[in-house]
Amino acid sequence: MAEVYGTLKGKNASWVKLFIGKDGKTLSIDNKVSARSRGADVGAEFKELGVDER
């Protein structure tokens, strides 16, 4: 999976947020992941993508 999304750095994968829709299509890829703001970032991204809150 890391090779498919280009997140493989040497032998290790870097952190990436993938947003995948109900139809299985990739909605968004975020390579700038921050552990401190992850929850707020995900919530904001859902709103931007128009994802239902339920």
PDB file of N, CA and C in Angstrom:
ATOM      1  N   MET A   1       0.828  -1.184   0.000  1.00  0.00           N
ATOM      2  CA  MET A   1       0.000   0.000   0.000  1.00  0.00           C
ATOM      3  C   MET A   1       0.875   1.251   0.000  1.00  0.00           C
ATOM      4  N   ALA A   2       1.939   1.229   0.772  1.00  0.00           N
ATOM      5  CA  ALA A   2       2.823   2.393   0.840  1.00  0.00           C
ATOM      6  C   ALA A   2       3.443   2.688  -0.523  1.00  0.00           C
ATOM      7  N   GLU A   3       3.760   1.660  -1.274  1.00  0.00           N
ATOM      8  CA  GLU A   3       4.329   1.857  -2.607  1.00  0.00           C
ATOM      9  C   GLU A   3       3.300   2.477  -3.549  1.00  0.00           C
ATOM     10  N   VAL A   4       2.062   2.047  -3.444  1.00  0.00           N
ATOM     11  CA  VAL A   4       0.991   2.549  -4.314  1.00  0.00           C
ATOM     12  C   VAL A   4       0.798   4.051  -4.134  1.00  0.00           C
ATOM     13  N   TYR A   5       0.830   4.524  -2.887  1.00  0.00           N
ATOM     14  CA  TYR A   5       0.584   5.936  -2.601  1.00  0.00           C
ATOM     15  C   TYR A   5       1.863   6.764  -2.505  1.00  0.00           C
ATOM     16  N   GLY A   6       3.011   6.162  -2.773  1.00  0.00           N
ATOM     17  CA  GLY A   6       4.266   6.891  -2.784  1.00  0.00           C
ATOM     18  C   GLY A   6       4.733   7.360  -1.418  1.00  0.00           C
ATOM     19  N   THR A   7       4.405   6.607  -0.381  1.00  0.00           N
ATOM     20  CA  THR A   7       4.779   7.024   0.971  1.00  0.00           C
ATOM     21  C   THR A   7       5.947   6.226   1.534  1.00  0.00           C
ATOM     22  N   LEU A   8       6.523   5.367   0.748  1.00  0.00           N
ATOM     23  CA  LEU A   8       7.624   4.545   1.213  1.00  0.00           C
ATOM     24  C   LEU A   8       8.915   5.368   1.215  1.00  0.00           C
ATOM     25  N   LYS A   9       9.543   5.459   2.378  1.00  0.00           N
ATOM     26  CA  LYS A   9      10.801   6.184   2.548  1.00  0.00           C
ATOM     27  C   LYS A   9      11.853   5.188   2.994  1.00  0.00           C
ATOM     28  N   GLY A  10      12.618   4.657   2.052  1.00  0.00           N
ATOM     29  CA  GLY A  10      13.569   3.593   2.362  1.00  0.00           C
ATOM     30  C   GLY A  10      12.803   2.320   2.672  1.00  0.00           C
ATOM     31  N   LYS A  11      12.980   1.781   3.878  1.00  0.00           N
ATOM     32  CA  LYS A  11      12.267   0.571   4.281  1.00  0.00           C
ATOM     33  C   LYS A  11      11.015   0.883   5.090  1.00  0.00           C
ATOM     34  N   ASN A  12      10.818   2.160   5.423  1.00  0.00           N
ATOM     35  CA  ASN A  12       9.690   2.557   6.266  1.00  0.00           C
ATOM     36  C   ASN A  12       8.714   3.444   5.502  1.00  0.00           C
ATOM     37  N   ALA A  13       7.458   3.380   5.886  1.00  0.00           N
ATOM     38  CA  ALA A  13       6.448   4.246   5.294  1.00  0.00           C
ATOM     39  C   ALA A  13       6.288   5.490   6.161  1.00  0.00           C
ATOM     40  N   SER A  14       6.048   6.622   5.515  1.00  0.00           N
ATOM     41  CA  SER A  14       5.774   7.845   6.277  1.00  0.00           C
ATOM     42  C   SER A  14       4.282   7.930   6.563  1.00  0.00           C
ATOM     43  N   TRP A  15       3.913   8.776   7.522  1.00  0.00           N
ATOM     44  CA  TRP A  15       2.508   8.936   7.901  1.00  0.00           C
ATOM     45  C   TRP A  15       1.756   9.692   6.819  1.00  0.00           C
ATOM     46  N   VAL A  16       0.592   9.177   6.459  1.00  0.00           N
ATOM     47  CA  VAL A  16      -0.256   9.796   5.447  1.00  0.00           C
ATOM     48  C   VAL A  16      -1.701   9.567   5.843  1.00  0.00           C
ATOM     49  N   LYS A  17      -2.542  10.582   5.636  1.00  0.00           N
ATOM     50  CA  LYS A  17      -3.989  10.405   5.851  1.00  0.00           C
ATOM     51  C   LYS A  17      -4.626  10.188   4.497  1.00  0.00           C
ATOM     52  N   LEU A  18      -5.342   9.089   4.372  1.00  0.00           N
ATOM     53  CA  LEU A  18      -6.080   8.793   3.149  1.00  0.00           C
ATOM     54  C   LEU A  18      -7.564   8.885   3.458  1.00  0.00           C
ATOM     55  N   PHE A  19      -8.292   9.598   2.638  1.00  0.00           N
ATOM     56  CA  PHE A  19      -9.741   9.686   2.778  1.00  0.00           C
ATOM     57  C   PHE A  19     -10.334   8.943   1.598  1.00  0.00           C
ATOM     58  N   ILE A  20     -11.021   7.845   1.896  1.00  0.00           N
ATOM     59  CA  ILE A  20     -11.578   6.986   0.857  1.00  0.00           C
ATOM     60  C   ILE A  20     -13.088   7.000   0.981  1.00  0.00           C
ATOM     61  N   GLY A  21     -13.770   7.274  -0.140  1.00  0.00           N
ATOM     62  CA  GLY A  21     -15.223   7.373  -0.157  1.00  0.00           C
ATOM     63  C   GLY A  21     -15.898   6.016  -0.069  1.00  0.00           C
ATOM     64  N   LYS A  22     -17.212   6.041   0.108  1.00  0.00           N
ATOM     65  CA  LYS A  22     -17.990   4.800   0.202  1.00  0.00           C
ATOM     66  C   LYS A  22     -17.869   3.958  -1.055  1.00  0.00           C
ATOM     67  N   ASP A  23     -17.599   4.619  -2.185  1.00  0.00           N
ATOM     68  CA  ASP A  23     -17.471   3.902  -3.452  1.00  0.00           C
ATOM     69  C   ASP A  23     -16.075   3.320  -3.655  1.00  0.00           C
ATOM     70  N   GLY A  24     -15.172   3.544  -2.671  1.00  0.00           N
ATOM     71  CA  GLY A  24     -13.826   2.992  -2.741  1.00  0.00           C
ATOM     72  C   GLY A  24     -12.829   3.899  -3.448  1.00  0.00           C
ATOM     73  N   LYS A  25     -13.272   5.043  -3.939  1.00  0.00           N
ATOM     74  CA  LYS A  25     -12.377   5.970  -4.623  1.00  0.00           C
ATOM     75  C   LYS A  25     -11.689   6.879  -3.606  1.00  0.00           C
ATOM     76  N   THR A  26     -10.447   7.224  -3.898  1.00  0.00           N
ATOM     77  CA  THR A  26      -9.689   8.105  -3.021  1.00  0.00           C
ATOM     78  C   THR A  26     -10.211   9.530  -3.156  1.00  0.00           C
ATOM     79  N   LEU A  27     -10.623  10.122  -2.036  1.00  0.00           N
ATOM     80  CA  LEU A  27     -11.124  11.486  -2.030  1.00  0.00           C
ATOM     81  C   LEU A  27     -10.002  12.486  -1.818  1.00  0.00           C
ATOM     82  N   SER A  28      -9.042  12.125  -0.979  1.00  0.00           N
ATOM     83  CA  SER A  28      -7.970  13.051  -0.631  1.00  0.00           C
ATOM     84  C   SER A  28      -6.804  12.287  -0.028  1.00  0.00           C
ATOM     85  N   ILE A  29      -5.605  12.810  -0.268  1.00  0.00           N
ATOM     86  CA  ILE A  29      -4.385  12.275   0.340  1.00  0.00           C
ATOM     87  C   ILE A  29      -3.671  13.442   0.999  1.00  0.00           C
ATOM     88  N   ASP A  30      -3.364  13.306   2.280  1.00  0.00           N
ATOM     89  CA  ASP A  30      -2.683  14.365   3.020  1.00  0.00           C
ATOM     90  C   ASP A  30      -1.347  13.832   3.511  1.00  0.00           C
ATOM     91  N   ASN A  31      -0.257  14.359   2.967  1.00  0.00           N
ATOM     92  CA  ASN A  31       1.086  13.928   3.348  1.00  0.00           C
ATOM     93  C   ASN A  31       1.653  14.709   4.518  1.00  0.00           C
ATOM     94  N   LYS A  32       0.958  15.751   4.965  1.00  0.00           N
ATOM     95  CA  LYS A  32       1.451  16.596   6.057  1.00  0.00           C
ATOM     96  C   LYS A  32       0.679  16.275   7.333  1.00  0.00           C
ATOM     97  N   VAL A  33       1.000  15.154   7.932  1.00  0.00           N
ATOM     98  CA  VAL A  33       0.287  14.678   9.114  1.00  0.00           C
ATOM     99  C   VAL A  33       0.953  15.201  10.380  1.00  0.00           C
ATOM    100  N   SER A  34       0.133  15.726  11.285  1.00  0.00           N
ATOM    101  CA  SER A  34       0.619  16.202  12.580  1.00  0.00           C
ATOM    102  C   SER A  34      -0.140  15.457  13.678  1.00  0.00           C
ATOM    103  N   ALA A  35       0.590  14.775  14.541  1.00  0.00           N
ATOM    104  CA  ALA A  35      -0.048  14.028  15.629  1.00  0.00           C
ATOM    105  C   ALA A  35      -0.821  14.958  16.559  1.00  0.00           C
ATOM    106  N   ARG A  36      -0.339  16.163  16.769  1.00  0.00           N
ATOM    107  CA  ARG A  36      -0.985  17.113  17.684  1.00  0.00           C
ATOM    108  C   ARG A  36      -2.345  17.593  17.196  1.00  0.00           C
ATOM    109  N   SER A  37      -2.472  17.823  15.901  1.00  0.00           N
ATOM    110  CA  SER A  37      -3.713  18.397  15.381  1.00  0.00           C
ATOM    111  C   SER A  37      -4.518  17.421  14.523  1.00  0.00           C
ATOM    112  N   ARG A  38      -4.188  16.147  14.592  1.00  0.00           N
ATOM    113  CA  ARG A  38      -4.811  15.148  13.724  1.00  0.00           C
ATOM    114  C   ARG A  38      -6.330  15.139  13.795  1.00  0.00           C
ATOM    115  N   GLY A  39      -6.896  15.161  14.982  1.00  0.00           N
ATOM    116  CA  GLY A  39      -8.352  15.121  15.132  1.00  0.00           C
ATOM    117  C   GLY A  39      -9.040  16.309  14.483  1.00  0.00           C
ATOM    118  N   ALA A  40      -8.540  17.487  14.767  1.00  0.00           N
ATOM    119  CA  ALA A  40      -9.111  18.706  14.183  1.00  0.00           C
ATOM    120  C   ALA A  40      -8.908  18.730  12.672  1.00  0.00           C
ATOM    121  N   ASP A  41      -7.747  18.266  12.214  1.00  0.00           N
ATOM    122  CA  ASP A  41      -7.458  18.240  10.785  1.00  0.00           C
ATOM    123  C   ASP A  41      -8.420  17.320  10.046  1.00  0.00           C
ATOM    124  N   VAL A  42      -8.688  16.159  10.628  1.00  0.00           N
ATOM    125  CA  VAL A  42      -9.601  15.207   9.996  1.00  0.00           C
ATOM    126  C   VAL A  42     -11.013  15.791   9.926  1.00  0.00           C
ATOM    127  N   GLY A  43     -11.458  16.411  11.008  1.00  0.00           N
ATOM    128  CA  GLY A  43     -12.777  17.034  11.022  1.00  0.00           C
ATOM    129  C   GLY A  43     -12.909  18.111   9.959  1.00  0.00           C
ATOM    130  N   ALA A  44     -11.888  18.946   9.836  1.00  0.00           N
ATOM    131  CA  ALA A  44     -11.896  20.010   8.826  1.00  0.00           C
ATOM    132  C   ALA A  44     -11.893  19.432   7.417  1.00  0.00           C
ATOM    133  N   GLU A  45     -11.126  18.380   7.206  1.00  0.00           N
ATOM    134  CA  GLU A  45     -11.057  17.749   5.882  1.00  0.00           C
ATOM    135  C   GLU A  45     -12.408  17.132   5.511  1.00  0.00           C
ATOM    136  N   PHE A  46     -13.073  16.502   6.481  1.00  0.00           N
ATOM    137  CA  PHE A  46     -14.403  15.948   6.217  1.00  0.00           C
ATOM    138  C   PHE A  46     -15.358  17.039   5.753  1.00  0.00           C
ATOM    139  N   LYS A  47     -15.321  18.191   6.419  1.00  0.00           N
ATOM    140  CA  LYS A  47     -16.199  19.301   6.033  1.00  0.00           C
ATOM    141  C   LYS A  47     -15.877  19.787   4.628  1.00  0.00           C
ATOM    142  N   GLU A  48     -14.589  19.921   4.311  1.00  0.00           N
ATOM    143  CA  GLU A  48     -14.172  20.367   2.984  1.00  0.00           C
ATOM    144  C   GLU A  48     -14.632  19.395   1.884  1.00  0.00           C
ATOM    145  N   LEU A  49     -14.606  18.111   2.211  1.00  0.00           N
ATOM    146  CA  LEU A  49     -14.981  17.089   1.234  1.00  0.00           C
ATOM    147  C   LEU A  49     -16.497  16.887   1.166  1.00  0.00           C
ATOM    148  N   GLY A  50     -17.218  17.500   2.101  1.00  0.00           N
ATOM    149  CA  GLY A  50     -18.675  17.351   2.126  1.00  0.00           C
ATOM    150  C   GLY A  50     -19.136  16.001   2.641  1.00  0.00           C
ATOM    151  N   VAL A  51     -18.323  15.385   3.497  1.00  0.00           N
ATOM    152  CA  VAL A  51     -18.649  14.070   4.055  1.00  0.00           C
ATOM    153  C   VAL A  51     -19.704  14.244   5.154  1.00  0.00           C
ATOM    154  N   ASP A  52     -20.726  13.404   5.116  1.00  0.00           N
ATOM    155  CA  ASP A  52     -21.799  13.442   6.117  1.00  0.00           C
ATOM    156  C   ASP A  52     -21.197  13.168   7.492  1.00  0.00           C
ATOM    157  N   GLU A  53     -21.648  13.918   8.490  1.00  0.00           N
ATOM    158  CA  GLU A  53     -21.103  13.788   9.842  1.00  0.00           C
ATOM    159  C   GLU A  53     -21.546  12.533  10.563  1.00  0.00           C
ATOM    160  N   ARG A  54     -22.491  11.855  10.066  1.00  0.00           N
ATOM    161  CA  ARG A  54     -22.984  10.647  10.766  1.00  0.00           C
ATOM    162  C   ARG A  54     -22.258   9.430  10.357  1.00  0.00           C
TER     163      ARG A  54
END
